[in-house]
């Protein structure tokens, strides 16, 4: 899909950011910033493309830290996935 090391940060056509955690055979797994609890979302490559996601050159660790401090909280799965992604950056 996108030639980038995991995790990486993307923005959609509405300028909302997301952290792409990994890509499977059928789905791209990401955590998107939104109001309410953050969750791990899976999108097909077609859905990902339709949303207009593009890679953003930014400090991925900083974005992950911001997500982990999200005021509305995160699901347990999102916390686990983001902390695992952060470990990959070391």
Protein backbone atom coordinates (compact mmCIF):
# COMPACT_ATOMS: atom_id res chain seq x y z
CA UNK A 1 0.00 0.00 0.00
CA UNK A 2 2.31 2.80 1.23
CA UNK A 3 6.06 2.34 1.22
CA UNK A 4 6.71 3.35 4.81
CA UNK A 5 7.94 1.68 7.99
CA UNK A 6 5.30 0.88 10.60
CA UNK A 7 4.04 2.74 12.52
CA UNK A 8 3.53 5.94 10.56
CA UNK A 9 1.21 8.94 10.64
CA UNK A 10 -1.34 9.82 7.96
CA UNK A 11 -3.95 12.53 7.42
CA UNK A 12 -7.22 12.07 5.60
CA UNK A 13 -8.94 14.53 3.25
CA UNK A 14 -10.48 16.24 6.35
CA UNK A 15 -7.01 16.73 7.90
CA UNK A 16 -7.72 14.22 10.68
CA UNK A 17 -4.66 12.28 11.75
CA UNK A 18 -4.29 8.56 12.27
CA UNK A 19 -1.46 6.23 13.27
CA UNK A 20 -1.12 3.27 10.93
CA UNK A 21 -0.09 0.31 13.06
CA UNK A 22 0.30 -2.42 10.48
CA UNK A 23 -1.02 -3.80 7.23
CA UNK A 24 -2.38 -7.30 6.87
CA UNK A 25 -3.32 -9.19 3.73
CA UNK A 26 -6.82 -7.67 3.61
CA UNK A 27 -6.80 -4.75 6.03
CA UNK A 28 -4.85 -1.73 7.21
CA UNK A 29 -5.03 -1.34 10.99
CA UNK A 30 -4.97 2.18 12.41
CA UNK A 31 -6.00 4.39 15.31
CA UNK A 32 -7.63 7.61 14.11
CA UNK A 33 -7.97 10.76 16.23
CA UNK A 34 -11.62 11.51 16.90
CA UNK A 35 -13.92 12.64 19.64
CA UNK A 36 -14.75 9.88 22.08
CA UNK A 37 -12.69 6.80 22.88
CA UNK A 38 -9.99 5.92 20.41
CA UNK A 39 -10.20 2.46 18.90
CA UNK A 40 -8.28 0.30 16.48
CA UNK A 41 -9.99 0.45 13.10
CA UNK A 42 -9.44 -1.82 10.14
CA UNK A 43 -9.90 -0.52 6.63
CA UNK A 44 -9.56 -2.20 3.28
CA UNK A 45 -7.00 -0.59 0.98
CA UNK A 46 -9.93 0.75 -1.07
CA UNK A 47 -11.50 2.41 2.03
CA UNK A 48 -8.09 3.80 3.02
CA UNK A 49 -7.63 5.30 -0.44
CA UNK A 50 -11.19 6.66 -0.56
CA UNK A 51 -10.63 8.47 2.77
CA UNK A 52 -7.71 10.24 1.09
CA UNK A 53 -5.07 9.18 3.62
CA UNK A 54 -1.57 10.47 2.89
CA UNK A 55 1.65 10.05 4.88
CA UNK A 56 2.63 13.00 7.08
CA UNK A 57 6.25 13.63 7.96
CA UNK A 58 6.09 14.12 11.73
CA UNK A 59 7.44 12.66 14.96
CA UNK A 60 5.47 9.41 15.22
CA UNK A 61 6.42 8.89 18.89
CA UNK A 62 5.07 12.33 19.76
CA UNK A 63 1.78 11.59 17.99
CA UNK A 64 1.45 8.23 19.75
CA UNK A 65 2.10 9.90 23.12
CA UNK A 66 -0.61 12.47 22.34
CA UNK A 67 -3.04 9.68 21.45
CA UNK A 68 -2.22 7.82 24.69
CA UNK A 69 -3.14 10.99 26.64
CA UNK A 70 -6.45 11.43 24.78
CA UNK A 71 -8.97 12.93 27.23
CA UNK A 72 -11.83 10.58 26.27
CA UNK A 73 -9.62 7.54 26.70
CA UNK A 74 -8.80 4.55 24.57
CA UNK A 75 -9.94 0.98 24.35
CA UNK A 76 -7.61 -1.60 25.90
CA UNK A 77 -6.78 -2.86 22.42
CA UNK A 78 -5.86 0.64 21.23
CA UNK A 79 -3.57 1.17 24.25
CA UNK A 80 -1.88 -2.20 23.67
CA UNK A 81 -1.41 -1.58 19.93
CA UNK A 82 -0.10 1.98 20.36
CA UNK A 83 2.32 0.98 23.13
CA UNK A 84 3.55 -1.90 20.94
CA UNK A 85 4.00 0.47 18.01
CA UNK A 86 5.93 2.87 20.22
CA UNK A 87 8.28 0.03 21.21
CA UNK A 88 9.04 -0.56 17.51
CA UNK A 89 10.37 3.00 17.30
CA UNK A 90 13.15 2.44 19.82
